[in-house]
């Protein structure tokens, strides 16, 4: 039991670290924040399909990424909650492989536009931000996430703990 707990904590910590690194890579290209976002790290939101240990890792990784990239406090809070809700949704839909990216796409498409409009006061409307954030999430979660899911699915028994 002790080794399983260590494995769960390790998976969560590695997920958080990967999320931060991938967000910083996206940030270097100007893709991590603003109205048009393609956070490569959001591809990791498919990981709860394999293990619930990824859920806290995604949440902590998003909090840290948002802090490191200089996001405002309400963005740190609500952006991280969007990722958490998406991860919980992915875990709840784990029996349906192709549905795995849908919860993070929906959570971010609904929550992040309000952050962009009311926290950052970016030029544009909520529907415009829903389109831009939604497209970025489809790329990050739907395309990159599903590629990652299909690759990891072959090795899931060797990599993940339940």
N, C-alpha and C. Protein backbone atom coordinates (compact mmCIF):
# COMPACT_ATOMS: atom_id res chain seq x y z
N UNK A 1 0.82 -1.19 0.00
CA UNK A 1 0.00 0.00 0.00
C UNK A 1 0.87 1.25 0.00
N UNK A 2 1.97 1.22 0.74
CA UNK A 2 2.85 2.38 0.83
C UNK A 2 3.44 2.70 -0.55
N UNK A 3 3.86 1.67 -1.30
CA UNK A 3 4.41 1.89 -2.63
C UNK A 3 3.36 2.46 -3.59
N UNK A 4 2.11 2.03 -3.44
CA UNK A 4 1.05 2.55 -4.29
C UNK A 4 0.85 4.04 -4.02
N UNK A 5 0.87 4.45 -2.76
CA UNK A 5 0.71 5.87 -2.41
C UNK A 5 1.85 6.69 -2.98
N UNK A 6 3.07 6.15 -2.89
CA UNK A 6 4.22 6.85 -3.46
C UNK A 6 4.07 6.97 -4.97
N UNK A 7 3.59 5.92 -5.61
CA UNK A 7 3.37 5.95 -7.06
C UNK A 7 2.32 6.98 -7.45
N UNK A 8 1.26 7.07 -6.68
CA UNK A 8 0.20 8.04 -6.96
C UNK A 8 0.73 9.46 -6.82
N UNK A 9 1.48 9.72 -5.74
CA UNK A 9 2.05 11.05 -5.54
C UNK A 9 3.05 11.37 -6.65
N UNK A 10 3.83 10.38 -7.04
CA UNK A 10 4.82 10.58 -8.11
C UNK A 10 4.16 10.91 -9.43
N UNK A 11 3.10 10.19 -9.78
CA UNK A 11 2.37 10.48 -11.03
C UNK A 11 1.79 11.89 -10.98
N UNK A 12 1.22 12.28 -9.86
CA UNK A 12 0.67 13.63 -9.72
C UNK A 12 1.75 14.69 -9.86
N UNK A 13 2.88 14.48 -9.21
CA UNK A 13 3.98 15.45 -9.27
C UNK A 13 4.57 15.53 -10.68
N UNK A 14 4.72 14.40 -11.33
CA UNK A 14 5.25 14.40 -12.70
C UNK A 14 4.28 15.08 -13.66
N UNK A 15 3.00 14.87 -13.44
CA UNK A 15 1.99 15.52 -14.27
C UNK A 15 2.06 17.03 -14.09
N UNK A 16 2.17 17.48 -12.85
CA UNK A 16 2.28 18.93 -12.59
C UNK A 16 3.53 19.50 -13.25
N UNK A 17 4.65 18.81 -13.11
CA UNK A 17 5.91 19.29 -13.70
C UNK A 17 5.82 19.35 -15.23
N UNK A 18 5.26 18.32 -15.83
CA UNK A 18 5.09 18.32 -17.30
C UNK A 18 4.17 19.45 -17.75
N UNK A 19 3.10 19.67 -16.99
CA UNK A 19 2.17 20.74 -17.32
C UNK A 19 2.88 22.09 -17.33
N UNK A 20 3.70 22.33 -16.30
CA UNK A 20 4.44 23.60 -16.21
C UNK A 20 5.41 23.73 -17.38
N UNK A 21 6.19 22.70 -17.65
CA UNK A 21 7.17 22.77 -18.74
C UNK A 21 6.50 23.02 -20.08
N UNK A 22 5.42 22.29 -20.36
CA UNK A 22 4.72 22.46 -21.64
C UNK A 22 4.05 23.83 -21.75
N UNK A 23 3.58 24.36 -20.64
CA UNK A 23 3.01 25.71 -20.66
C UNK A 23 4.10 26.74 -20.94
N UNK A 24 5.25 26.55 -20.34
CA UNK A 24 6.36 27.48 -20.58
C UNK A 24 6.83 27.43 -22.03
N UNK A 25 6.80 26.26 -22.64
CA UNK A 25 7.14 26.15 -24.07
C UNK A 25 6.11 26.93 -24.89
N UNK A 26 4.83 26.71 -24.61
CA UNK A 26 3.78 27.45 -25.33
C UNK A 26 3.91 28.95 -25.08
N UNK A 27 4.26 29.33 -23.86
CA UNK A 27 4.42 30.73 -23.51
C UNK A 27 5.56 31.37 -24.30
N UNK A 28 6.61 30.61 -24.54
CA UNK A 28 7.75 31.12 -25.32
C UNK A 28 7.33 31.49 -26.74
N UNK A 29 6.29 30.84 -27.24
CA UNK A 29 5.75 31.14 -28.57
C UNK A 29 4.54 32.07 -28.51
N UNK A 30 4.22 32.59 -27.32
CA UNK A 30 3.08 33.48 -27.15
C UNK A 30 1.74 32.79 -27.23
N UNK A 31 1.70 31.49 -26.93
CA UNK A 31 0.47 30.72 -27.06
C UNK A 31 -0.18 30.31 -25.74
N UNK A 32 0.43 30.64 -24.61
CA UNK A 32 -0.08 30.16 -23.33
C UNK A 32 -1.20 31.02 -22.76
N UNK A 33 -1.24 32.29 -23.12
CA UNK A 33 -2.21 33.22 -22.55
C UNK A 33 -2.79 34.09 -23.68
N UNK A 34 -3.66 34.98 -23.34
CA UNK A 34 -4.29 35.92 -24.26
C UNK A 34 -5.52 35.29 -24.94
N UNK A 35 -6.06 35.99 -25.91
CA UNK A 35 -7.31 35.56 -26.53
C UNK A 35 -7.14 34.28 -27.34
N UNK A 36 -6.00 34.13 -27.98
CA UNK A 36 -5.73 32.91 -28.75
C UNK A 36 -4.71 32.10 -27.95
N UNK A 37 -5.15 30.93 -27.50
CA UNK A 37 -4.33 30.08 -26.65
C UNK A 37 -4.27 28.67 -27.20
N UNK A 38 -3.07 28.16 -27.32
CA UNK A 38 -2.88 26.74 -27.62
C UNK A 38 -1.84 26.26 -26.61
N UNK A 39 -2.33 25.93 -25.43
CA UNK A 39 -1.44 25.42 -24.39
C UNK A 39 -1.19 23.94 -24.66
N UNK A 40 0.04 23.62 -25.01
CA UNK A 40 0.39 22.22 -25.25
C UNK A 40 0.11 21.38 -24.01
N UNK A 41 0.25 22.01 -22.85
CA UNK A 41 0.03 21.33 -21.57
C UNK A 41 -1.41 20.82 -21.42
N UNK A 42 -2.35 21.46 -22.08
CA UNK A 42 -3.75 21.02 -21.98
C UNK A 42 -3.97 19.65 -22.60
N UNK A 43 -3.03 19.19 -23.42
CA UNK A 43 -3.11 17.82 -23.96
C UNK A 43 -3.06 16.81 -22.82
N UNK A 44 -2.41 17.19 -21.72
CA UNK A 44 -2.29 16.29 -20.57
C UNK A 44 -3.61 16.08 -19.85
N UNK A 45 -4.62 16.87 -20.16
CA UNK A 45 -5.91 16.69 -19.48
C UNK A 45 -6.58 15.38 -19.86
N UNK A 46 -6.00 14.63 -20.78
CA UNK A 46 -6.52 13.28 -21.06
C UNK A 46 -5.99 12.25 -20.07
N UNK A 47 -4.98 12.61 -19.29
CA UNK A 47 -4.36 11.65 -18.37
C UNK A 47 -5.32 11.05 -17.34
N UNK A 48 -6.34 11.78 -16.86
CA UNK A 48 -7.28 11.13 -15.94
C UNK A 48 -8.04 9.96 -16.57
N UNK A 49 -8.02 9.85 -17.88
CA UNK A 49 -8.56 8.67 -18.56
C UNK A 49 -7.84 7.42 -18.05
N UNK A 50 -6.56 7.57 -17.74
CA UNK A 50 -5.75 6.44 -17.29
C UNK A 50 -5.67 6.31 -15.78
N UNK A 51 -5.62 7.44 -15.08
CA UNK A 51 -5.43 7.39 -13.63
C UNK A 51 -5.95 8.66 -12.96
N UNK A 52 -6.64 8.50 -11.84
CA UNK A 52 -7.09 9.68 -11.10
C UNK A 52 -5.93 10.45 -10.47
N UNK A 53 -4.75 9.83 -10.38
CA UNK A 53 -3.58 10.50 -9.80
C UNK A 53 -3.18 11.73 -10.61
N UNK A 54 -3.59 11.79 -11.87
CA UNK A 54 -3.26 12.94 -12.72
C UNK A 54 -4.09 14.17 -12.38
N UNK A 55 -5.24 13.99 -11.76
CA UNK A 55 -6.15 15.11 -11.51
C UNK A 55 -5.52 16.19 -10.63
N UNK A 56 -5.00 15.86 -9.45
CA UNK A 56 -4.37 16.93 -8.66
C UNK A 56 -3.12 17.48 -9.34
N UNK A 57 -2.41 16.64 -10.09
CA UNK A 57 -1.23 17.10 -10.81
C UNK A 57 -1.57 18.15 -11.85
N UNK A 58 -2.66 17.95 -12.57
CA UNK A 58 -3.09 18.93 -13.56
C UNK A 58 -3.49 20.24 -12.89
N UNK A 59 -4.22 20.14 -11.79
CA UNK A 59 -4.66 21.33 -11.07
C UNK A 59 -3.47 22.13 -10.53
N UNK A 60 -2.56 21.44 -9.86
CA UNK A 60 -1.37 22.11 -9.31
C UNK A 60 -0.49 22.65 -10.44
N UNK A 61 -0.34 21.87 -11.50
CA UNK A 61 0.46 22.31 -12.64
C UNK A 61 -0.10 23.57 -13.27
N UNK A 62 -1.40 23.65 -13.37
CA UNK A 62 -2.04 24.84 -13.94
C UNK A 62 -1.86 26.04 -13.02
N UNK A 63 -2.04 25.83 -11.73
CA UNK A 63 -1.83 26.93 -10.78
C UNK A 63 -0.40 27.46 -10.91
N UNK A 64 0.57 26.56 -10.87
CA UNK A 64 1.98 26.97 -10.96
C UNK A 64 2.28 27.66 -12.29
N UNK A 65 1.75 27.10 -13.37
CA UNK A 65 1.97 27.70 -14.70
C UNK A 65 1.41 29.11 -14.77
N UNK A 66 0.22 29.27 -14.25
CA UNK A 66 -0.41 30.59 -14.28
C UNK A 66 0.34 31.59 -13.41
N UNK A 67 0.85 31.14 -12.29
CA UNK A 67 1.65 32.02 -11.43
C UNK A 67 2.97 32.39 -12.12
N UNK A 68 3.64 31.41 -12.69
CA UNK A 68 4.94 31.63 -13.32
C UNK A 68 4.83 32.54 -14.54
N UNK A 69 3.75 32.39 -15.30
CA UNK A 69 3.60 33.20 -16.51
C UNK A 69 2.99 34.57 -16.23
N UNK A 70 2.77 34.89 -14.95
CA UNK A 70 2.33 36.23 -14.58
C UNK A 70 0.86 36.50 -14.71
N UNK A 71 0.05 35.49 -14.62
CA UNK A 71 -1.40 35.69 -14.71
C UNK A 71 -1.91 36.41 -13.46
N UNK A 72 -3.02 37.10 -13.63
CA UNK A 72 -3.64 37.80 -12.51
C UNK A 72 -4.30 36.77 -11.57
N UNK A 73 -4.46 37.12 -10.29
CA UNK A 73 -4.98 36.16 -9.31
C UNK A 73 -6.31 35.49 -9.71
N UNK A 74 -7.25 36.24 -10.25
CA UNK A 74 -8.53 35.62 -10.65
C UNK A 74 -8.35 34.66 -11.82
N UNK A 75 -7.37 34.91 -12.66
CA UNK A 75 -7.06 33.98 -13.75
C UNK A 75 -6.43 32.71 -13.18
N UNK A 76 -5.53 32.88 -12.22
CA UNK A 76 -4.93 31.71 -11.57
C UNK A 76 -6.03 30.83 -10.99
N UNK A 77 -6.97 31.47 -10.31
CA UNK A 77 -8.07 30.74 -9.68
C UNK A 77 -8.99 30.08 -10.71
N UNK A 78 -9.58 30.89 -11.58
CA UNK A 78 -10.60 30.36 -12.48
C UNK A 78 -10.02 29.53 -13.62
N UNK A 79 -8.85 29.89 -14.11
CA UNK A 79 -8.20 29.08 -15.14
C UNK A 79 -7.84 27.70 -14.61
N UNK A 80 -7.34 27.68 -13.38
CA UNK A 80 -6.98 26.41 -12.76
C UNK A 80 -8.23 25.58 -12.44
N UNK A 81 -9.30 26.24 -12.02
CA UNK A 81 -10.55 25.52 -11.78
C UNK A 81 -11.11 24.93 -13.08
N UNK A 82 -10.95 25.64 -14.19
CA UNK A 82 -11.40 25.11 -15.48
C UNK A 82 -10.64 23.83 -15.82
N UNK A 83 -9.33 23.84 -15.58
CA UNK A 83 -8.53 22.64 -15.84
C UNK A 83 -8.93 21.52 -14.89
N UNK A 84 -9.18 21.85 -13.62
CA UNK A 84 -9.62 20.84 -12.66
C UNK A 84 -10.96 20.23 -13.07
N UNK A 85 -11.91 21.07 -13.43
CA UNK A 85 -13.22 20.56 -13.88
C UNK A 85 -13.08 19.68 -15.11
N UNK A 86 -12.24 20.12 -16.04
CA UNK A 86 -11.99 19.31 -17.24
C UNK A 86 -11.39 17.96 -16.89
N UNK A 87 -10.43 17.94 -15.98
CA UNK A 87 -9.78 16.69 -15.58
C UNK A 87 -10.77 15.76 -14.88
N UNK A 88 -11.60 16.33 -14.00
CA UNK A 88 -12.62 15.52 -13.32
C UNK A 88 -13.61 14.94 -14.33
N UNK A 89 -13.97 15.76 -15.31
CA UNK A 89 -14.88 15.29 -16.36
C UNK A 89 -14.27 14.18 -17.20
N UNK A 90 -13.01 14.31 -17.52
CA UNK A 90 -12.32 13.27 -18.28
C UNK A 90 -12.31 11.97 -17.49
N UNK A 91 -12.02 12.06 -16.20
CA UNK A 91 -12.02 10.87 -15.35
C UNK A 91 -13.41 10.23 -15.32
N UNK A 92 -14.45 11.05 -15.25
CA UNK A 92 -15.81 10.51 -15.18
C UNK A 92 -16.23 9.86 -16.49
N UNK A 93 -15.60 10.25 -17.60
CA UNK A 93 -15.93 9.67 -18.91
C UNK A 93 -14.90 8.65 -19.38
N UNK A 94 -14.09 8.11 -18.46
CA UNK A 94 -12.99 7.24 -18.83
C UNK A 94 -13.41 5.95 -19.53
N UNK A 95 -14.66 5.60 -19.44
CA UNK A 95 -15.13 4.38 -20.13
C UNK A 95 -15.33 4.63 -21.63
N UNK A 96 -15.34 5.89 -22.02
CA UNK A 96 -15.55 6.24 -23.43
C UNK A 96 -14.31 7.00 -23.92
N UNK A 97 -13.40 6.26 -24.52
CA UNK A 97 -12.10 6.81 -24.94
C UNK A 97 -12.22 8.10 -25.74
N UNK A 98 -13.09 8.15 -26.70
CA UNK A 98 -13.17 9.31 -27.59
C UNK A 98 -13.82 10.52 -26.94
N UNK A 99 -14.40 10.33 -25.77
CA UNK A 99 -15.00 11.47 -25.05
C UNK A 99 -14.01 12.14 -24.10
N UNK A 100 -12.84 11.55 -23.92
CA UNK A 100 -11.85 12.05 -22.95
C UNK A 100 -11.53 13.54 -23.09
N UNK A 101 -11.35 14.08 -24.29
CA UNK A 101 -11.00 15.50 -24.38
C UNK A 101 -12.18 16.47 -24.28
N UNK A 102 -13.38 15.97 -24.29
CA UNK A 102 -14.54 16.85 -24.34
C UNK A 102 -14.69 17.71 -23.07
N UNK A 103 -14.59 17.14 -21.86
CA UNK A 103 -14.76 17.99 -20.67
C UNK A 103 -13.78 19.16 -20.56
N UNK A 104 -12.47 18.96 -20.81
CA UNK A 104 -11.59 20.14 -20.72
C UNK A 104 -11.86 21.16 -21.82
N UNK A 105 -12.26 20.69 -22.98
CA UNK A 105 -12.60 21.64 -24.06
C UNK A 105 -13.79 22.49 -23.62
N UNK A 106 -14.81 21.86 -23.10
CA UNK A 106 -16.02 22.58 -22.68
C UNK A 106 -15.72 23.50 -21.49
N UNK A 107 -15.04 22.98 -20.47
CA UNK A 107 -14.77 23.78 -19.26
C UNK A 107 -13.99 25.04 -19.60
N UNK A 108 -12.95 24.91 -20.39
CA UNK A 108 -12.14 26.07 -20.73
C UNK A 108 -12.85 27.01 -21.69
N UNK A 109 -13.62 26.46 -22.61
CA UNK A 109 -14.35 27.29 -23.57
C UNK A 109 -15.42 28.13 -22.87
N UNK A 110 -15.95 27.64 -21.78
CA UNK A 110 -16.97 28.39 -21.03
C UNK A 110 -16.34 29.35 -20.02
N UNK A 111 -15.33 28.92 -19.29
CA UNK A 111 -14.78 29.72 -18.18
C UNK A 111 -13.77 30.77 -18.62
N UNK A 112 -12.80 30.38 -19.43
CA UNK A 112 -11.68 31.27 -19.77
C UNK A 112 -12.13 32.55 -20.49
N UNK A 113 -13.12 32.52 -21.39
CA UNK A 113 -13.55 33.77 -22.03
C UNK A 113 -14.00 34.85 -21.05
N UNK A 114 -14.64 34.45 -19.97
CA UNK A 114 -15.06 35.42 -18.96
C UNK A 114 -13.84 36.03 -18.25
N UNK A 115 -12.82 35.21 -18.04
CA UNK A 115 -11.57 35.71 -17.45
C UNK A 115 -10.93 36.73 -18.40
N UNK A 116 -10.87 36.39 -19.67
CA UNK A 116 -10.27 37.31 -20.66
C UNK A 116 -11.03 38.63 -20.70
N UNK A 117 -12.35 38.55 -20.65
CA UNK A 117 -13.17 39.76 -20.77
C UNK A 117 -13.19 40.59 -19.48
N UNK A 118 -13.37 39.94 -18.34
CA UNK A 118 -13.60 40.68 -17.11
C UNK A 118 -12.37 40.87 -16.23
N UNK A 119 -11.38 40.02 -16.38
CA UNK A 119 -10.15 40.18 -15.60
C UNK A 119 -9.13 41.00 -16.38
N UNK A 120 -8.96 40.65 -17.65
CA UNK A 120 -7.95 41.33 -18.46
C UNK A 120 -8.52 42.46 -19.33
N UNK A 121 -9.83 42.51 -19.47
CA UNK A 121 -10.49 43.54 -20.27
C UNK A 121 -9.97 43.58 -21.71
N UNK A 122 -9.74 42.39 -22.28
CA UNK A 122 -9.29 42.32 -23.67
C UNK A 122 -10.40 42.82 -24.60
N UNK A 123 -9.99 43.36 -25.71
CA UNK A 123 -10.94 43.79 -26.75
C UNK A 123 -11.58 42.55 -27.36
N UNK A 124 -12.89 42.54 -27.42
CA UNK A 124 -13.61 41.42 -28.01
C UNK A 124 -14.78 41.02 -27.13
N UNK A 125 -15.61 40.19 -27.66
CA UNK A 125 -16.81 39.77 -26.95
C UNK A 125 -16.63 38.36 -26.38
N UNK A 126 -17.49 38.01 -25.46
CA UNK A 126 -17.47 36.66 -24.88
C UNK A 126 -17.60 35.61 -25.99
N UNK A 127 -18.55 35.74 -26.92
CA UNK A 127 -18.64 34.73 -27.99
C UNK A 127 -17.35 34.63 -28.82
N UNK A 128 -16.71 35.76 -29.08
CA UNK A 128 -15.44 35.74 -29.82
C UNK A 128 -14.39 34.96 -29.04
N UNK A 129 -14.28 35.23 -27.74
CA UNK A 129 -13.31 34.52 -26.91
C UNK A 129 -13.66 33.04 -26.80
N UNK A 130 -14.95 32.72 -26.79
CA UNK A 130 -15.34 31.31 -26.76
C UNK A 130 -14.86 30.60 -28.02
N UNK A 131 -14.94 31.28 -29.15
CA UNK A 131 -14.45 30.69 -30.40
C UNK A 131 -12.94 30.52 -30.36
N UNK A 132 -12.22 31.58 -29.96
CA UNK A 132 -10.75 31.51 -29.98
C UNK A 132 -10.22 30.50 -28.96
N UNK A 133 -10.77 30.54 -27.75
CA UNK A 133 -10.33 29.59 -26.72
C UNK A 133 -10.77 28.18 -27.11
N UNK A 134 -11.97 28.05 -27.62
CA UNK A 134 -12.48 26.74 -28.04
C UNK A 134 -11.62 26.10 -29.12
N UNK A 135 -11.21 26.89 -30.10
CA UNK A 135 -10.33 26.36 -31.16
C UNK A 135 -9.00 25.92 -30.57
N UNK A 136 -8.44 26.73 -29.69
CA UNK A 136 -7.18 26.36 -29.03
C UNK A 136 -7.31 25.09 -28.22
N UNK A 137 -8.43 24.93 -27.53
CA UNK A 137 -8.67 23.73 -26.73
C UNK A 137 -8.89 22.51 -27.62
N UNK A 138 -9.56 22.69 -28.75
CA UNK A 138 -9.74 21.58 -29.68
C UNK A 138 -8.38 21.11 -30.19
N UNK A 139 -7.49 22.07 -30.49
CA UNK A 139 -6.15 21.71 -30.94
C UNK A 139 -5.38 21.02 -29.80
N UNK A 140 -5.39 21.64 -28.62
CA UNK A 140 -4.62 21.11 -27.49
C UNK A 140 -5.16 19.78 -26.97
N UNK A 141 -6.44 19.75 -26.65
CA UNK A 141 -7.04 18.56 -26.03
C UNK A 141 -7.53 17.56 -27.07
N UNK A 142 -8.25 18.08 -28.06
CA UNK A 142 -8.87 17.19 -29.04
C UNK A 142 -7.88 16.54 -29.98
N UNK A 143 -6.92 17.31 -30.48
CA UNK A 143 -5.95 16.75 -31.44
C UNK A 143 -4.72 16.21 -30.70
N UNK A 144 -3.99 17.10 -30.04
CA UNK A 144 -2.76 16.67 -29.35
C UNK A 144 -3.07 15.68 -28.22
N UNK A 145 -4.14 15.96 -27.47
CA UNK A 145 -4.52 15.07 -26.37
C UNK A 145 -4.88 13.67 -26.85
N UNK A 146 -5.61 13.58 -27.95
CA UNK A 146 -5.99 12.26 -28.46
C UNK A 146 -4.80 11.52 -29.06
N UNK A 147 -3.87 12.25 -29.66
CA UNK A 147 -2.63 11.60 -30.12
C UNK A 147 -1.90 11.02 -28.91
N UNK A 148 -1.77 11.83 -27.87
CA UNK A 148 -1.11 11.37 -26.64
C UNK A 148 -1.85 10.18 -26.04
N UNK A 149 -3.16 10.24 -25.97
CA UNK A 149 -3.96 9.15 -25.41
C UNK A 149 -3.71 7.86 -26.17
N UNK A 150 -3.71 7.91 -27.48
CA UNK A 150 -3.51 6.71 -28.28
C UNK A 150 -2.11 6.13 -28.14
N UNK A 151 -1.12 7.00 -28.01
CA UNK A 151 0.25 6.51 -27.78
C UNK A 151 0.36 5.87 -26.40
N UNK A 152 -0.14 6.56 -25.37
CA UNK A 152 -0.03 6.06 -24.00
C UNK A 152 -0.89 4.82 -23.75
N UNK A 153 -1.97 4.67 -24.50
CA UNK A 153 -2.87 3.54 -24.32
C UNK A 153 -2.13 2.21 -24.50
N UNK A 154 -1.14 2.20 -25.36
CA UNK A 154 -0.36 0.97 -25.61
C UNK A 154 0.49 0.58 -24.41
N UNK A 155 0.83 1.54 -23.55
CA UNK A 155 1.74 1.29 -22.43
C UNK A 155 1.09 1.55 -21.07
N UNK A 156 -0.22 1.70 -21.06
CA UNK A 156 -0.91 2.12 -19.83
C UNK A 156 -0.65 1.21 -18.64
N UNK A 157 -0.53 -0.07 -18.85
CA UNK A 157 -0.32 -1.00 -17.73
C UNK A 157 1.07 -0.88 -17.13
N UNK A 158 2.00 -0.35 -17.87
CA UNK A 158 3.37 -0.20 -17.40
C UNK A 158 3.60 1.19 -16.78
N UNK A 159 2.77 2.17 -17.14
CA UNK A 159 3.02 3.55 -16.75
C UNK A 159 2.15 4.00 -15.57
N UNK A 160 0.86 3.67 -15.61
CA UNK A 160 -0.09 4.29 -14.69
C UNK A 160 -0.54 3.39 -13.56
N UNK A 161 -0.85 4.05 -12.43
CA UNK A 161 -1.43 3.38 -11.27
C UNK A 161 -2.90 3.80 -11.19
N UNK A 162 -3.72 2.95 -10.62
CA UNK A 162 -5.15 3.28 -10.53
C UNK A 162 -5.49 3.89 -9.20
